[in-house]
């Protein structure tokens, strides 16, 4: 959603974060792909995180998390949370 503030969006943020030595967390709702964002900060040594909002479609959840797994080797992490009341009550996120 960074493109709402600047035309370079998350790619520009990643480039600036890399220069400043600041880690970055990328939303699954970003306006650029994980791969584009990581490439913009390549060589900085920064950690990248990926925020996933779990949905009722488990195949989609798995696909998002698998893409995040390959994003930055040992410097990455993934945070997942559920916004679905049905998922919360089913206990699947515990």
Protein backbone atom coordinates (compact mmCIF):
# COMPACT_ATOMS: atom_id res chain seq x y z
CA UNK A 1 0.00 0.00 0.00
CA UNK A 2 3.07 2.27 -0.02
CA UNK A 3 2.16 3.43 -3.53
CA UNK A 4 -0.57 5.52 -1.93
CA UNK A 5 2.24 7.69 -0.54
CA UNK A 6 4.89 7.39 -3.30
CA UNK A 7 5.01 5.95 -6.84
CA UNK A 8 7.98 3.68 -5.97
CA UNK A 9 5.90 1.95 -3.31
CA UNK A 10 7.43 -0.88 -1.27
CA UNK A 11 10.32 -1.20 -3.73
CA UNK A 12 11.43 2.33 -2.88
CA UNK A 13 10.94 1.68 0.82
CA UNK A 14 13.07 -1.46 0.59
CA UNK A 15 15.85 0.38 -1.22
CA UNK A 16 15.85 3.16 1.41
CA UNK A 17 15.66 0.66 4.29
CA UNK A 18 18.65 -1.20 2.88
CA UNK A 19 20.71 1.99 2.69
CA UNK A 20 19.71 2.96 6.24
CA UNK A 21 20.27 -0.52 7.72
CA UNK A 22 16.63 -0.82 8.75
CA UNK A 23 14.72 -4.11 8.63
CA UNK A 24 11.42 -4.22 6.75
CA UNK A 25 8.12 -6.05 7.13
CA UNK A 26 6.07 -6.54 3.98
CA UNK A 27 2.31 -6.95 4.02
CA UNK A 28 0.62 -9.57 1.88
CA UNK A 29 -1.40 -6.62 0.57
CA UNK A 30 1.71 -4.85 -0.75
CA UNK A 31 1.68 -3.20 -4.15
CA UNK A 32 4.88 -5.03 -5.18
CA UNK A 33 5.84 -8.69 -5.06
CA UNK A 34 8.04 -10.18 -2.35
CA UNK A 35 10.68 -10.85 -4.99
CA UNK A 36 10.73 -7.23 -6.22
CA UNK A 37 10.99 -5.85 -2.69
CA UNK A 38 13.81 -8.20 -1.66
CA UNK A 39 15.72 -7.45 -4.89
CA UNK A 40 15.56 -3.70 -4.16
CA UNK A 41 17.30 -4.22 -0.82
CA UNK A 42 19.68 -6.94 -2.00
CA UNK A 43 23.15 -6.79 -0.53
CA UNK A 44 22.06 -4.76 2.50
CA UNK A 45 22.04 -7.73 4.89
CA UNK A 46 18.71 -6.57 6.30
CA UNK A 47 16.05 -8.91 7.58
CA UNK A 48 12.70 -8.96 5.84
CA UNK A 49 9.47 -10.04 7.44
CA UNK A 50 6.20 -10.98 5.78
CA UNK A 51 2.80 -10.42 7.37
CA UNK A 52 0.10 -12.87 6.34
CA UNK A 53 -3.55 -12.47 7.23
CA UNK A 54 -4.93 -16.01 7.24
CA UNK A 55 -8.12 -16.56 5.26
CA UNK A 56 -10.61 -19.43 5.19
CA UNK A 57 -8.93 -20.83 2.04
CA UNK A 58 -6.08 -22.92 3.47
CA UNK A 59 -4.52 -23.50 0.04
CA UNK A 60 -4.15 -19.73 -0.35
CA UNK A 61 -2.61 -19.49 3.15
CA UNK A 62 -0.07 -22.21 2.35
CA UNK A 63 0.81 -20.55 -0.97
CA UNK A 64 1.44 -17.17 0.73
CA UNK A 65 3.57 -18.70 3.48
CA UNK A 66 5.61 -20.80 1.01
CA UNK A 67 6.42 -17.66 -1.01
CA UNK A 68 7.52 -15.94 2.20
CA UNK A 69 9.72 -18.90 3.16
CA UNK A 70 11.92 -18.39 0.13
CA UNK A 71 12.20 -14.65 0.41
CA UNK A 72 15.39 -14.05 2.38
CA UNK A 73 17.04 -17.24 3.60
CA UNK A 74 18.12 -16.99 7.24
CA UNK A 75 17.22 -13.30 7.64
CA UNK A 76 13.47 -13.61 7.17
CA UNK A 77 10.44 -14.32 9.29
CA UNK A 78 6.73 -14.64 8.73
CA UNK A 79 3.93 -13.42 10.98
CA UNK A 80 0.47 -14.88 10.44
CA UNK A 81 -2.78 -13.90 12.08
CA UNK A 82 -6.44 -14.65 11.56
CA UNK A 83 -9.01 -11.99 10.88
CA UNK A 84 -11.79 -14.54 10.44
CA UNK A 85 -14.13 -14.99 13.38
CA UNK A 86 -14.96 -18.49 12.10
CA UNK A 87 -11.29 -19.52 12.10
CA UNK A 88 -10.78 -18.10 15.58
CA UNK A 89 -13.72 -20.01 17.00
CA UNK A 90 -12.68 -23.26 15.28
CA UNK A 91 -9.37 -23.34 17.15
CA UNK A 92 -7.37 -23.74 13.92
CA UNK A 93 -5.15 -20.78 14.83
CA UNK A 94 -4.14 -22.01 18.28
